[in-house]
């Protein structure tokens, strides 16, 4: 489980917000995800130049959480 209080998460959240204009929607990240897995997915998003999290975590566009 990822904690918003984790310094690594705060740094990752800053990078994500700078790149994609929003904060990481932590409530939509599976509880089984690790900070290292999230780092990899966001790194892959930055390299791709687009937010891959909705695809990787299978978020449904018309559902509000």
N, C-alpha and C. Protein backbone atom coordinates (compact mmCIF):
# COMPACT_ATOMS: atom_id res chain seq x y z
N UNK A 1 0.84 -1.19 0.00
CA UNK A 1 0.00 0.00 0.00
C UNK A 1 0.88 1.25 0.00
N UNK A 2 0.51 2.20 -0.78
CA UNK A 2 1.29 3.43 -0.91
C UNK A 2 0.74 4.47 0.04
N UNK A 3 1.64 5.15 0.72
CA UNK A 3 1.25 6.18 1.67
C UNK A 3 1.54 7.56 1.09
N UNK A 4 0.57 8.44 1.18
CA UNK A 4 0.76 9.82 0.72
C UNK A 4 1.79 10.56 1.57
N UNK A 5 2.09 10.03 2.74
CA UNK A 5 3.07 10.65 3.63
C UNK A 5 4.51 10.26 3.26
N UNK A 6 4.67 9.27 2.41
CA UNK A 6 5.98 8.80 1.98
C UNK A 6 6.67 9.89 1.14
N UNK A 7 7.88 10.21 1.48
CA UNK A 7 8.63 11.26 0.77
C UNK A 7 8.78 10.91 -0.72
N UNK A 8 8.99 9.63 -1.02
CA UNK A 8 9.13 9.21 -2.42
C UNK A 8 7.82 9.46 -3.19
N UNK A 9 6.68 9.22 -2.52
CA UNK A 9 5.40 9.48 -3.17
C UNK A 9 5.22 10.98 -3.42
N UNK A 10 5.60 11.79 -2.46
CA UNK A 10 5.44 13.24 -2.65
C UNK A 10 6.26 13.74 -3.83
N UNK A 11 7.47 13.23 -3.98
CA UNK A 11 8.32 13.62 -5.11
C UNK A 11 7.70 13.13 -6.42
N UNK A 12 7.22 11.90 -6.41
CA UNK A 12 6.58 11.33 -7.60
C UNK A 12 5.33 12.12 -7.97
N UNK A 13 4.56 12.49 -6.99
CA UNK A 13 3.35 13.27 -7.21
C UNK A 13 3.68 14.63 -7.83
N UNK A 14 4.77 15.24 -7.38
CA UNK A 14 5.20 16.52 -7.93
C UNK A 14 5.56 16.37 -9.42
N UNK A 15 6.31 15.32 -9.75
CA UNK A 15 6.68 15.07 -11.14
C UNK A 15 5.45 14.82 -12.01
N UNK A 16 4.54 14.01 -11.50
CA UNK A 16 3.32 13.69 -12.22
C UNK A 16 2.48 14.94 -12.46
N UNK A 17 2.34 15.76 -11.42
CA UNK A 17 1.53 16.98 -11.55
C UNK A 17 2.16 17.95 -12.54
N UNK A 18 3.47 18.05 -12.53
CA UNK A 18 4.16 18.92 -13.49
C UNK A 18 3.93 18.45 -14.92
N UNK A 19 3.98 17.15 -15.12
CA UNK A 19 3.84 16.60 -16.47
C UNK A 19 2.40 16.56 -16.97
N UNK A 20 1.45 16.24 -16.07
CA UNK A 20 0.09 15.98 -16.52
C UNK A 20 -0.97 16.92 -15.96
N UNK A 21 -0.56 17.88 -15.13
CA UNK A 21 -1.48 18.90 -14.66
C UNK A 21 -2.45 18.48 -13.58
N UNK A 22 -2.24 17.32 -13.01
CA UNK A 22 -3.10 16.86 -11.92
C UNK A 22 -2.28 15.98 -10.98
N UNK A 23 -2.78 15.82 -9.79
CA UNK A 23 -2.11 14.96 -8.82
C UNK A 23 -2.45 13.50 -9.09
N UNK A 24 -1.61 12.61 -8.58
CA UNK A 24 -1.87 11.18 -8.72
C UNK A 24 -3.15 10.86 -7.95
N UNK A 25 -4.13 10.26 -8.62
CA UNK A 25 -5.37 9.90 -7.92
C UNK A 25 -5.14 8.62 -7.10
N UNK A 26 -4.56 8.78 -5.95
CA UNK A 26 -4.15 7.65 -5.12
C UNK A 26 -5.29 6.69 -4.80
N UNK A 27 -6.51 7.22 -4.71
CA UNK A 27 -7.66 6.37 -4.43
C UNK A 27 -7.94 5.38 -5.58
N UNK A 28 -7.39 5.66 -6.75
CA UNK A 28 -7.63 4.80 -7.90
C UNK A 28 -6.47 3.85 -8.18
N UNK A 29 -5.44 3.92 -7.37
CA UNK A 29 -4.30 3.01 -7.50
C UNK A 29 -4.61 1.77 -6.65
N UNK A 30 -4.47 0.58 -7.20
CA UNK A 30 -4.76 -0.63 -6.42
C UNK A 30 -3.94 -0.68 -5.12
N UNK A 31 -4.56 -1.16 -4.08
CA UNK A 31 -3.88 -1.25 -2.78
C UNK A 31 -2.66 -2.17 -2.84
N UNK A 32 -2.63 -3.08 -3.79
CA UNK A 32 -1.52 -4.02 -3.91
C UNK A 32 -0.31 -3.41 -4.61
N UNK A 33 -0.48 -2.22 -5.21
CA UNK A 33 0.63 -1.57 -5.93
C UNK A 33 1.68 -1.10 -4.93
N UNK A 34 2.92 -1.18 -5.35
CA UNK A 34 4.04 -0.71 -4.53
C UNK A 34 4.50 0.65 -5.04
N UNK A 35 5.25 1.35 -4.22
CA UNK A 35 5.79 2.65 -4.66
C UNK A 35 6.75 2.44 -5.84
N UNK A 36 7.49 1.33 -5.83
CA UNK A 36 8.41 1.06 -6.93
C UNK A 36 7.64 0.79 -8.23
N UNK A 37 6.53 0.06 -8.14
CA UNK A 37 5.71 -0.18 -9.33
C UNK A 37 5.09 1.10 -9.86
N UNK A 38 4.64 1.96 -8.95
CA UNK A 38 4.07 3.24 -9.36
C UNK A 38 5.14 4.12 -10.00
N UNK A 39 6.34 4.13 -9.42
CA UNK A 39 7.45 4.89 -10.01
C UNK A 39 7.69 4.43 -11.45
N UNK A 40 7.73 3.10 -11.66
CA UNK A 40 7.98 2.58 -13.00
C UNK A 40 6.88 3.02 -13.97
N UNK A 41 5.63 2.91 -13.55
CA UNK A 41 4.53 3.28 -14.43
C UNK A 41 4.52 4.77 -14.75
N UNK A 42 4.86 5.59 -13.80
CA UNK A 42 4.91 7.03 -14.08
C UNK A 42 6.13 7.36 -14.92
N UNK A 43 7.24 6.69 -14.66
CA UNK A 43 8.43 6.89 -15.51
C UNK A 43 8.09 6.53 -16.96
N UNK A 44 7.42 5.39 -17.15
CA UNK A 44 7.02 4.98 -18.50
C UNK A 44 6.08 6.02 -19.13
N UNK A 45 5.21 6.61 -18.34
CA UNK A 45 4.31 7.66 -18.82
C UNK A 45 5.10 8.89 -19.28
N UNK A 46 6.08 9.28 -18.48
CA UNK A 46 6.89 10.44 -18.82
C UNK A 46 7.67 10.19 -20.11
N UNK A 47 8.22 9.01 -20.26
CA UNK A 47 8.96 8.66 -21.47
C UNK A 47 8.03 8.65 -22.69
N UNK A 48 6.82 8.12 -22.50
CA UNK A 48 5.85 8.05 -23.60
C UNK A 48 5.24 9.42 -23.93
N UNK A 49 5.34 10.36 -22.97
CA UNK A 49 4.77 11.68 -23.19
C UNK A 49 3.27 11.72 -23.03
N UNK A 50 2.70 10.70 -22.38
CA UNK A 50 1.26 10.69 -22.11
C UNK A 50 1.00 9.89 -20.84
N UNK A 51 -0.08 10.20 -20.19
CA UNK A 51 -0.45 9.54 -18.95
C UNK A 51 -0.94 8.12 -19.24
N UNK A 52 -0.15 7.14 -18.86
CA UNK A 52 -0.50 5.74 -19.11
C UNK A 52 -1.26 5.10 -17.95
N UNK A 53 -1.37 5.80 -16.82
CA UNK A 53 -2.00 5.20 -15.64
C UNK A 53 -3.43 4.73 -15.90
N UNK A 54 -4.28 5.50 -16.60
CA UNK A 54 -5.64 5.00 -16.84
C UNK A 54 -5.65 3.66 -17.58
N UNK A 55 -4.74 3.49 -18.53
CA UNK A 55 -4.66 2.23 -19.26
C UNK A 55 -4.09 1.11 -18.39
N UNK A 56 -3.01 1.41 -17.69
CA UNK A 56 -2.33 0.40 -16.89
C UNK A 56 -3.17 -0.11 -15.73
N UNK A 57 -3.96 0.79 -15.14
CA UNK A 57 -4.78 0.41 -14.00
C UNK A 57 -6.25 0.19 -14.37
N UNK A 58 -6.52 0.26 -15.69
CA UNK A 58 -7.86 0.00 -16.22
C UNK A 58 -8.94 0.86 -15.58
N UNK A 59 -8.68 2.17 -15.56
CA UNK A 59 -9.68 3.10 -15.04
C UNK A 59 -10.77 3.26 -16.07
N UNK A 60 -11.99 3.36 -15.63
CA UNK A 60 -13.14 3.56 -16.51
C UNK A 60 -13.43 5.06 -16.55
N UNK A 61 -13.45 5.64 -17.75
CA UNK A 61 -13.57 7.08 -17.91
C UNK A 61 -14.85 7.69 -17.36
N UNK A 62 -15.94 6.96 -17.42
CA UNK A 62 -17.21 7.56 -17.02
C UNK A 62 -17.61 7.29 -15.56
N UNK A 63 -16.67 6.75 -14.79
CA UNK A 63 -16.94 6.48 -13.38
C UNK A 63 -16.17 7.46 -12.51
N UNK A 64 -16.89 8.15 -11.65
CA UNK A 64 -16.24 9.08 -10.73
C UNK A 64 -16.02 8.39 -9.40
N UNK A 65 -14.83 8.57 -8.84
CA UNK A 65 -14.50 7.97 -7.56
C UNK A 65 -14.41 9.01 -6.49
